[in-house]
Amino acid sequence: HMRAAVLKSAGKIVDLLMKIHKSKMSVADFNDV
């Protein structure tokens, strides 16, 4: 929740989006928090 707002690296952003995808939450769910 702290890193998400400040990530700049393309690789780390991709990793986070894939983590969200592999969880049972959607990007919209994650974004709400």
Full PDB file with SEQRES, HELIX, SHEET, SSBOND, CRYST1, ORIGX, SCALE, CONECT and MASTER records, all heavy atoms in Angstrom:
SEQRES   1 A   33  HIS MET ARG ALA ALA VAL LEU LYS SER ALA GLY LYS ILE          
SEQRES   2 A   33  VAL ASP LEU LEU MET LYS ILE HIS LYS SER LYS MET SER          
SEQRES   3 A   33  VAL ALA ASP PHE ASN ASP VAL                                  
HELIX    1 AA1 ARG A    3  ALA A    5  5                                   3    
HELIX    2 AA2 ALA A   10  LYS A   22  1                                  13    
HELIX    3 AA3 VAL A   27  ASP A   32  1                                   6    
CRYST1    1.000    1.000    1.000  90.00  90.00  90.00 P 1           1          
ORIGX1      1.000000  0.000000  0.000000        0.00000                         
ORIGX2      0.000000  1.000000  0.000000        0.00000                         
ORIGX3      0.000000  0.000000  1.000000        0.00000                         
SCALE1      1.000000  0.000000  0.000000        0.00000                         
SCALE2      0.000000  1.000000  0.000000        0.00000                         
SCALE3      0.000000  0.000000  1.000000        0.00000                         
ATOM      1  N   HIS A   1       0.811  -1.222   0.000  1.00  0.00           N  
ATOM      2  CA  HIS A   1       0.000   0.000   0.000  1.00  0.00           C  
ATOM      3  C   HIS A   1       0.846   1.274   0.000  1.00  0.00           C  
ATOM      4  O   HIS A   1       0.396   2.310  -0.496  1.00  0.00           O  
ATOM      5  CB  HIS A   1      -0.979   0.008   1.181  1.00  0.00           C  
ATOM      6  CG  HIS A   1      -0.354   0.272   2.524  1.00  0.00           C  
ATOM      7  ND1 HIS A   1       0.251  -0.718   3.255  1.00  0.00           N  
ATOM      8  CD2 HIS A   1      -0.253   1.404   3.263  1.00  0.00           C  
ATOM      9  CE1 HIS A   1       0.699  -0.200   4.399  1.00  0.00           C  
ATOM     10  NE2 HIS A   1       0.403   1.079   4.432  1.00  0.00           N  
ATOM     11  N   MET A   2       2.059   1.239   0.521  1.00  0.00           N  
ATOM     12  CA  MET A   2       2.915   2.435   0.489  1.00  0.00           C  
ATOM     13  C   MET A   2       3.671   2.534  -0.833  1.00  0.00           C  
ATOM     14  O   MET A   2       3.782   3.603  -1.427  1.00  0.00           O  
ATOM     15  CB  MET A   2       3.897   2.421   1.657  1.00  0.00           C  
ATOM     16  CG  MET A   2       3.255   2.650   3.007  1.00  0.00           C  
ATOM     17  SD  MET A   2       4.507   2.846   4.293  1.00  0.00           S  
ATOM     18  CE  MET A   2       5.380   1.285   4.189  1.00  0.00           C  
ATOM     19  N   ARG A   3       4.197   1.401  -1.297  1.00  0.00           N  
ATOM     20  CA  ARG A   3       4.982   1.405  -2.545  1.00  0.00           C  
ATOM     21  C   ARG A   3       4.135   1.757  -3.754  1.00  0.00           C  
ATOM     22  O   ARG A   3       4.609   2.385  -4.699  1.00  0.00           O  
ATOM     23  CB  ARG A   3       5.612   0.025  -2.774  1.00  0.00           C  
ATOM     24  CG  ARG A   3       6.671  -0.364  -1.782  1.00  0.00           C  
ATOM     25  CD  ARG A   3       7.502  -1.540  -2.289  1.00  0.00           C  
ATOM     26  NE  ARG A   3       6.745  -2.506  -3.079  1.00  0.00           N  
ATOM     27  CZ  ARG A   3       7.147  -2.989  -4.256  1.00  0.00           C  
ATOM     28  NH1 ARG A   3       8.289  -2.596  -4.780  1.00  0.00           N  
ATOM     29  NH2 ARG A   3       6.421  -3.883  -4.905  1.00  0.00           N  
ATOM     30  N   ALA A   4       2.879   1.320  -3.741  1.00  0.00           N  
ATOM     31  CA  ALA A   4       2.045   1.426  -4.938  1.00  0.00           C  
ATOM     32  C   ALA A   4       1.934   2.853  -5.457  1.00  0.00           C  
ATOM     33  O   ALA A   4       1.907   3.080  -6.670  1.00  0.00           O  
ATOM     34  CB  ALA A   4       0.657   0.864  -4.644  1.00  0.00           C  
ATOM     35  N   ALA A   5       1.890   3.806  -4.551  1.00  0.00           N  
ATOM     36  CA  ALA A   5       1.682   5.195  -4.971  1.00  0.00           C  
ATOM     37  C   ALA A   5       2.941   5.850  -5.519  1.00  0.00           C  
ATOM     38  O   ALA A   5       2.860   6.913  -6.148  1.00  0.00           O  
ATOM     39  CB  ALA A   5       1.150   6.012  -3.793  1.00  0.00           C  
ATOM     40  N   VAL A   6       4.104   5.232  -5.298  1.00  0.00           N  
ATOM     41  CA  VAL A   6       5.362   5.893  -5.675  1.00  0.00           C  
ATOM     42  C   VAL A   6       6.210   5.087  -6.656  1.00  0.00           C  
ATOM     43  O   VAL A   6       7.290   5.521  -7.036  1.00  0.00           O  
ATOM     44  CB  VAL A   6       6.201   6.210  -4.413  1.00  0.00           C  
ATOM     45  CG1 VAL A   6       5.443   7.190  -3.522  1.00  0.00           C  
ATOM     46  CG2 VAL A   6       6.542   4.945  -3.634  1.00  0.00           C  
ATOM     47  N   LEU A   7       5.753   3.935  -7.089  1.00  0.00           N  
ATOM     48  CA  LEU A   7       6.544   3.105  -8.004  1.00  0.00           C  
ATOM     49  C   LEU A   7       6.800   3.833  -9.320  1.00  0.00           C  
ATOM     50  O   LEU A   7       5.905   4.459  -9.883  1.00  0.00           O  
ATOM     51  CB  LEU A   7       5.820   1.787  -8.292  1.00  0.00           C  
ATOM     52  CG  LEU A   7       5.877   0.686  -7.225  1.00  0.00           C  
ATOM     53  CD1 LEU A   7       5.132  -0.559  -7.718  1.00  0.00           C  
ATOM     54  CD2 LEU A   7       7.320   0.326  -6.886  1.00  0.00           C  
ATOM     55  N   LYS A   8       8.028   3.727  -9.813  1.00  0.00           N  
ATOM     56  CA  LYS A   8       8.402   4.331 -11.097  1.00  0.00           C  
ATOM     57  C   LYS A   8       8.942   3.294 -12.081  1.00  0.00           C  
ATOM     58  O   LYS A   8       8.741   3.404 -13.283  1.00  0.00           O  
ATOM     59  CB  LYS A   8       9.470   5.411 -10.881  1.00  0.00           C  
ATOM     60  CG  LYS A   8       9.048   6.535  -9.941  1.00  0.00           C  
ATOM     61  CD  LYS A   8       7.879   7.321 -10.480  1.00  0.00           C  
ATOM     62  CE  LYS A   8       7.499   8.469  -9.527  1.00  0.00           C  
ATOM     63  NZ  LYS A   8       6.301   9.189  -9.988  1.00  0.00           N  
ATOM     64  N   SER A   9       9.661   2.296 -11.565  1.00  0.00           N  
ATOM     65  CA  SER A   9      10.298   1.291 -12.414  1.00  0.00           C  
ATOM     66  C   SER A   9       9.244   0.473 -13.155  1.00  0.00           C  
ATOM     67  O   SER A   9       8.304  -0.054 -12.556  1.00  0.00           O  
ATOM     68  CB  SER A   9      11.164   0.368 -11.554  1.00  0.00           C  
ATOM     69  OG  SER A   9      11.472  -0.827 -12.237  1.00  0.00           O  
ATOM     70  N   ALA A  10       9.433   0.369 -14.467  1.00  0.00           N  
ATOM     71  CA  ALA A  10       8.491  -0.405 -15.284  1.00  0.00           C  
ATOM     72  C   ALA A  10       8.414  -1.849 -14.813  1.00  0.00           C  
ATOM     73  O   ALA A  10       7.326  -2.427 -14.716  1.00  0.00           O  
ATOM     74  CB  ALA A  10       8.910  -0.347 -16.752  1.00  0.00           C  
ATOM     75  N   GLY A  11       9.579  -2.439 -14.513  1.00  0.00           N  
ATOM     76  CA  GLY A  11       9.593  -3.834 -14.078  1.00  0.00           C  
ATOM     77  C   GLY A  11       8.837  -4.039 -12.779  1.00  0.00           C  
ATOM     78  O   GLY A  11       8.069  -5.006 -12.632  1.00  0.00           O  
ATOM     79  N   LYS A  12       9.017  -3.137 -11.817  1.00  0.00           N  
ATOM     80  CA  LYS A  12       8.333  -3.272 -10.527  1.00  0.00           C  
ATOM     81  C   LYS A  12       6.832  -3.021 -10.656  1.00  0.00           C  
ATOM     82  O   LYS A  12       6.025  -3.657  -9.972  1.00  0.00           O  
ATOM     83  CB  LYS A  12       8.958  -2.317  -9.515  1.00  0.00           C  
ATOM     84  CG  LYS A  12      10.371  -2.724  -9.109  1.00  0.00           C  
ATOM     85  CD  LYS A  12      10.972  -1.765  -8.095  1.00  0.00           C  
ATOM     86  CE  LYS A  12      12.370  -2.230  -7.680  1.00  0.00           C  
ATOM     87  NZ  LYS A  12      12.989  -1.299  -6.689  1.00  0.00           N  
ATOM     88  N   ILE A  13       6.465  -2.112 -11.533  1.00  0.00           N  
ATOM     89  CA  ILE A  13       5.040  -1.863 -11.771  1.00  0.00           C  
ATOM     90  C   ILE A  13       4.395  -3.092 -12.392  1.00  0.00           C  
ATOM     91  O   ILE A  13       3.301  -3.515 -11.992  1.00  0.00           O  
ATOM     92  CB  ILE A  13       4.864  -0.625 -12.668  1.00  0.00           C  
ATOM     93  CG1 ILE A  13       5.181   0.639 -11.862  1.00  0.00           C  
ATOM     94  CG2 ILE A  13       3.441  -0.559 -13.226  1.00  0.00           C  
ATOM     95  CD1 ILE A  13       5.200   1.914 -12.682  1.00  0.00           C  
ATOM     96  N   VAL A  14       5.085  -3.686 -13.360  1.00  0.00           N  
ATOM     97  CA  VAL A  14       4.573  -4.915 -13.978  1.00  0.00           C  
ATOM     98  C   VAL A  14       4.435  -6.016 -12.929  1.00  0.00           C  
ATOM     99  O   VAL A  14       3.429  -6.732 -12.880  1.00  0.00           O  
ATOM    100  CB  VAL A  14       5.497  -5.369 -15.125  1.00  0.00           C  
ATOM    101  CG1 VAL A  14       5.184  -6.808 -15.536  1.00  0.00           C  
ATOM    102  CG2 VAL A  14       5.353  -4.427 -16.319  1.00  0.00           C  
ATOM    103  N   ASP A  15       5.434  -6.150 -12.080  1.00  0.00           N  
ATOM    104  CA  ASP A  15       5.380  -7.184 -11.034  1.00  0.00           C  
ATOM    105  C   ASP A  15       4.177  -6.981 -10.124  1.00  0.00           C  
ATOM    106  O   ASP A  15       3.495  -7.943  -9.761  1.00  0.00           O  
ATOM    107  CB  ASP A  15       6.669  -7.153 -10.201  1.00  0.00           C  
ATOM    108  CG  ASP A  15       7.885  -7.646 -10.967  1.00  0.00           C  
ATOM    109  OD1 ASP A  15       7.702  -8.299 -12.020  1.00  0.00           O  
ATOM    110  OD2 ASP A  15       9.017  -7.375 -10.516  1.00  0.00           O  
ATOM    111  N   LEU A  16       3.903  -5.726  -9.742  1.00  0.00           N  
ATOM    112  CA  LEU A  16       2.776  -5.461  -8.854  1.00  0.00           C  
ATOM    113  C   LEU A  16       1.449  -5.784  -9.538  1.00  0.00           C  
ATOM    114  O   LEU A  16       0.571  -6.425  -8.944  1.00  0.00           O  
ATOM    115  CB  LEU A  16       2.783  -3.999  -8.399  1.00  0.00           C  
ATOM    116  CG  LEU A  16       1.571  -3.563  -7.549  1.00  0.00           C  
ATOM    117  CD1 LEU A  16       1.431  -4.442  -6.312  1.00  0.00           C  
ATOM    118  CD2 LEU A  16       1.673  -2.099  -7.164  1.00  0.00           C  
ATOM    119  N   LEU A  17       1.305  -5.363 -10.770  1.00  0.00           N  
ATOM    120  CA  LEU A  17       0.061  -5.642 -11.489  1.00  0.00           C  
ATOM    121  C   LEU A  17      -0.167  -7.142 -11.650  1.00  0.00           C  
ATOM    122  O   LEU A  17      -1.307  -7.632 -11.544  1.00  0.00           O  
ATOM    123  CB  LEU A  17       0.064  -4.953 -12.852  1.00  0.00           C  
ATOM    124  CG  LEU A  17      -0.044  -3.430 -12.825  1.00  0.00           C  
ATOM    125  CD1 LEU A  17       0.140  -2.845 -14.219  1.00  0.00           C  
ATOM    126  CD2 LEU A  17      -1.393  -2.992 -12.236  1.00  0.00           C  
ATOM    127  N   MET A  18       0.892  -7.890 -11.851  1.00  0.00           N  
ATOM    128  CA  MET A  18       0.755  -9.343 -11.977  1.00  0.00           C  
ATOM    129  C   MET A  18       0.421  -9.972 -10.620  1.00  0.00           C  
ATOM    130  O   MET A  18      -0.319 -10.950 -10.547  1.00  0.00           O  
ATOM    131  CB  MET A  18       2.038  -9.953 -12.555  1.00  0.00           C  
ATOM    132  CG  MET A  18       2.332  -9.539 -13.986  1.00  0.00           C  
ATOM    133  SD  MET A  18       0.919  -9.775 -15.128  1.00  0.00           S  
ATOM    134  CE  MET A  18       0.675 -11.555 -14.998  1.00  0.00           C  
ATOM    135  N   LYS A  19       0.960  -9.409  -9.536  1.00  0.00           N  
ATOM    136  CA  LYS A  19       0.601  -9.897  -8.199  1.00  0.00           C  
ATOM    137  C   LYS A  19      -0.891  -9.701  -7.936  1.00  0.00           C  
ATOM    138  O   LYS A  19      -1.564 -10.577  -7.397  1.00  0.00           O  
ATOM    139  CB  LYS A  19       1.393  -9.132  -7.125  1.00  0.00           C  
ATOM    140  CG  LYS A  19       2.818  -9.595  -6.912  1.00  0.00           C  
ATOM    141  CD  LYS A  19       3.435  -8.784  -5.771  1.00  0.00           C  
ATOM    142  CE  LYS A  19       4.894  -9.126  -5.552  1.00  0.00           C  
ATOM    143  NZ  LYS A  19       5.471  -8.303  -4.456  1.00  0.00           N  
ATOM    144  N   ILE A  20      -1.383  -8.533  -8.315  1.00  0.00           N  
ATOM    145  CA  ILE A  20      -2.814  -8.254  -8.135  1.00  0.00           C  
ATOM    146  C   ILE A  20      -3.633  -9.246  -8.947  1.00  0.00           C  
ATOM    147  O   ILE A  20      -4.628  -9.801  -8.465  1.00  0.00           O  
ATOM    148  CB  ILE A  20      -3.139  -6.812  -8.554  1.00  0.00           C  
ATOM    149  CG1 ILE A  20      -2.417  -5.827  -7.626  1.00  0.00           C  
ATOM    150  CG2 ILE A  20      -4.637  -6.564  -8.539  1.00  0.00           C  
ATOM    151  CD1 ILE A  20      -2.491  -4.382  -8.091  1.00  0.00           C  
ATOM    152  N   HIS A  21      -3.200  -9.489 -10.175  1.00  0.00           N  
ATOM    153  CA  HIS A  21      -3.917 -10.419 -11.043  1.00  0.00           C  
ATOM    154  C   HIS A  21      -3.955 -11.822 -10.454  1.00  0.00           C  
ATOM    155  O   HIS A  21      -4.987 -12.511 -10.524  1.00  0.00           O  
ATOM    156  CB  HIS A  21      -3.253 -10.448 -12.424  1.00  0.00           C  
ATOM    157  CG  HIS A  21      -3.809 -11.504 -13.324  1.00  0.00           C  
ATOM    158  ND1 HIS A  21      -5.090 -11.441 -13.833  1.00  0.00           N  
ATOM    159  CD2 HIS A  21      -3.253 -12.658 -13.802  1.00  0.00           C  
ATOM    160  CE1 HIS A  21      -5.301 -12.510 -14.589  1.00  0.00           C  
ATOM    161  NE2 HIS A  21      -4.207 -13.259 -14.585  1.00  0.00           N  
ATOM    162  N   LYS A  22      -2.856 -12.254  -9.861  1.00  0.00           N  
ATOM    163  CA  LYS A  22      -2.787 -13.610  -9.316  1.00  0.00           C  
ATOM    164  C   LYS A  22      -3.539 -13.762  -7.996  1.00  0.00           C  
ATOM    165  O   LYS A  22      -3.861 -14.864  -7.585  1.00  0.00           O  
ATOM    166  CB  LYS A  22      -1.324 -14.014  -9.130  1.00  0.00           C  
ATOM    167  CG  LYS A  22      -0.588 -14.228 -10.448  1.00  0.00           C  
ATOM    168  CD  LYS A  22       0.891 -14.500 -10.242  1.00  0.00           C  
ATOM    169  CE  LYS A  22       1.613 -14.645 -11.578  1.00  0.00           C  
ATOM    170  NZ  LYS A  22       3.075 -14.837 -11.402  1.00  0.00           N  
ATOM    171  N   SER A  23      -3.804 -12.627  -7.353  1.00  0.00           N  
ATOM    172  CA  SER A  23      -4.620 -12.669  -6.138  1.00  0.00           C  
ATOM    173  C   SER A  23      -6.084 -12.782  -6.559  1.00  0.00           C  
ATOM    174  O   SER A  23      -6.403 -12.797  -7.742  1.00  0.00           O  
ATOM    175  CB  SER A  23      -4.416 -11.401  -5.306  1.00  0.00           C  
ATOM    176  OG  SER A  23      -5.072 -10.301  -5.901  1.00  0.00           O  
ATOM    177  N   LYS A  24      -6.969 -12.822  -5.580  1.00  0.00           N  
ATOM    178  CA  LYS A  24      -8.391 -12.908  -5.911  1.00  0.00           C  
ATOM    179  C   LYS A  24      -9.058 -11.534  -5.866  1.00  0.00           C  
ATOM    180  O   LYS A  24     -10.270 -11.422  -5.726  1.00  0.00           O  
ATOM    181  CB  LYS A  24      -9.092 -13.870  -4.948  1.00  0.00           C  
ATOM    182  CG  LYS A  24      -8.668 -15.316  -5.136  1.00  0.00           C  
ATOM    183  CD  LYS A  24      -9.473 -16.250  -4.258  1.00  0.00           C  
ATOM    184  CE  LYS A  24      -9.072 -17.702  -4.496  1.00  0.00           C  
ATOM    185  NZ  LYS A  24      -9.848 -18.642  -3.662  1.00  0.00           N  
ATOM    186  N   MET A  25      -8.248 -10.479  -6.002  1.00  0.00           N  
ATOM    187  CA  MET A  25      -8.807  -9.144  -6.076  1.00  0.00           C  
ATOM    188  C   MET A  25      -8.553  -8.572  -7.462  1.00  0.00           C  
ATOM    189  O   MET A  25      -7.615  -8.974  -8.158  1.00  0.00           O  
ATOM    190  CB  MET A  25      -8.212  -8.232  -4.991  1.00  0.00           C  
ATOM    191  CG  MET A  25      -6.758  -7.862  -5.207  1.00  0.00           C  
ATOM    192  SD  MET A  25      -5.939  -7.026  -3.788  1.00  0.00           S  
ATOM    193  CE  MET A  25      -7.103  -5.787  -3.320  1.00  0.00           C  
ATOM    194  N   SER A  26      -9.400  -7.645  -7.858  1.00  0.00           N  
ATOM    195  CA  SER A  26      -9.223  -6.990  -9.150  1.00  0.00           C  
ATOM    196  C   SER A  26      -8.370  -5.739  -8.965  1.00  0.00           C  
ATOM    197  O   SER A  26      -8.131  -5.281  -7.843  1.00  0.00           O  
ATOM    198  CB  SER A  26     -10.585  -6.607  -9.729  1.00  0.00           C  
ATOM    199  OG  SER A  26     -11.194  -5.604  -8.924  1.00  0.00           O  
ATOM    200  N   VAL A  27      -7.927  -5.173 -10.074  1.00  0.00           N  
ATOM    201  CA  VAL A  27      -7.200  -3.905 -10.013  1.00  0.00           C  
ATOM    202  C   VAL A  27      -8.103  -2.836  -9.393  1.00  0.00           C  
ATOM    203  O   VAL A  27      -7.659  -2.016  -8.582  1.00  0.00           O  
ATOM    204  CB  VAL A  27      -6.731  -3.468 -11.409  1.00  0.00           C  
ATOM    205  CG1 VAL A  27      -6.119  -2.071 -11.356  1.00  0.00           C  
ATOM    206  CG2 VAL A  27      -5.724  -4.472 -11.969  1.00  0.00           C  
ATOM    207  N   ALA A  28      -9.389  -2.870  -9.738  1.00  0.00           N  
ATOM    208  CA  ALA A  28     -10.330  -1.894  -9.186  1.00  0.00           C  
ATOM    209  C   ALA A  28     -10.432  -2.030  -7.669  1.00  0.00           C  
ATOM    210  O   ALA A  28     -10.499  -1.031  -6.953  1.00  0.00           O  
ATOM    211  CB  ALA A  28     -11.704  -2.059  -9.835  1.00  0.00           C  
ATOM    212  N   ASP A  29     -10.438  -3.277  -7.179  1.00  0.00           N  
ATOM    213  CA  ASP A  29     -10.468  -3.512  -5.730  1.00  0.00           C  
ATOM    214  C   ASP A  29      -9.241  -2.907  -5.055  1.00  0.00           C  
ATOM    215  O   ASP A  29      -9.338  -2.198  -4.044  1.00  0.00           O  
ATOM    216  CB  ASP A  29     -10.512  -5.012  -5.426  1.00  0.00           C  
ATOM    217  CG  ASP A  29     -11.835  -5.664  -5.766  1.00  0.00           C  
ATOM    218  OD1 ASP A  29     -12.868  -4.969  -5.744  1.00  0.00           O  
ATOM    219  OD2 ASP A  29     -11.833  -6.878  -6.052  1.00  0.00           O  
ATOM    220  N   PHE A  30      -8.080  -3.212  -5.602  1.00  0.00           N  
ATOM    221  CA  PHE A  30      -6.826  -2.700  -5.051  1.00  0.00           C  
ATOM    222  C   PHE A  30      -6.830  -1.169  -5.066  1.00  0.00           C  
ATOM    223  O   PHE A  30      -6.454  -0.518  -4.083  1.00  0.00           O  
ATOM    224  CB  PHE A  30      -5.657  -3.242  -5.869  1.00  0.00           C  
ATOM    225  CG  PHE A  30      -4.299  -2.873  -5.344  1.00  0.00           C  
ATOM    226  CD1 PHE A  30      -3.751  -3.531  -4.250  1.00  0.00           C  
ATOM    227  CD2 PHE A  30      -3.557  -1.860  -5.949  1.00  0.00           C  
ATOM    228  CE1 PHE A  30      -2.496  -3.183  -3.765  1.00  0.00           C  
ATOM    229  CE2 PHE A  30      -2.304  -1.511  -5.480  1.00  0.00           C  
ATOM    230  CZ  PHE A  30      -1.771  -2.179  -4.375  1.00  0.00           C  
ATOM    231  N   ASN A  31      -7.309  -0.619  -6.169  1.00  0.00           N  
ATOM    232  CA  ASN A  31      -7.338   0.839  -6.303  1.00  0.00           C  
ATOM    233  C   ASN A  31      -8.250   1.501  -5.275  1.00  0.00           C  
ATOM    234  O   ASN A  31      -7.967   2.611  -4.809  1.00  0.00           O  
ATOM    235  CB  ASN A  31      -7.792   1.232  -7.710  1.00  0.00           C  
ATOM    236  CG  ASN A  31      -6.702   1.034  -8.741  1.00  0.00           C  
ATOM    237  OD1 ASN A  31      -5.571   0.685  -8.410  1.00  0.00           O  
ATOM    238  ND2 ASN A  31      -7.042   1.242  -9.999  1.00  0.00           N  
ATOM    239  N   ASP A  32      -9.333   0.827  -4.905  1.00  0.00           N  
ATOM    240  CA  ASP A  32     -10.244   1.414  -3.921  1.00  0.00           C  
ATOM    241  C   ASP A  32      -9.533   1.665  -2.593  1.00  0.00           C  
ATOM    242  O   ASP A  32      -9.765   2.689  -1.940  1.00  0.00           O  
ATOM    243  CB  ASP A  32     -11.455   0.492  -3.699  1.00  0.00           C  
ATOM    244  CG  ASP A  32     -12.440   0.535  -4.850  1.00  0.00           C  
ATOM    245  OD1 ASP A  32     -12.405   1.519  -5.628  1.00  0.00           O  
ATOM    246  OD2 ASP A  32     -13.244  -0.404  -4.985  1.00  0.00           O  
ATOM    247  N   VAL A  33      -8.667   0.731  -2.202  1.00  0.00           N  
ATOM    248  CA  VAL A  33      -7.925   0.902  -0.950  1.00  0.00           C  
ATOM    249  C   VAL A  33      -6.844   1.970  -1.109  1.00  0.00           C  
ATOM    250  O   VAL A  33      -6.692   2.862  -0.264  1.00  0.00           O  
ATOM    251  CB  VAL A  33      -7.310  -0.431  -0.489  1.00  0.00           C  
ATOM    252  CG1 VAL A  33      -6.552  -0.238   0.830  1.00  0.00           C  
ATOM    253  CG2 VAL A  33      -8.384  -1.503  -0.333  1.00  0.00           C  
TER     254      VAL A  33                                                      
MASTER        0    0    0    3    0    0    0    6  253    1    0    3          
END                                                                             
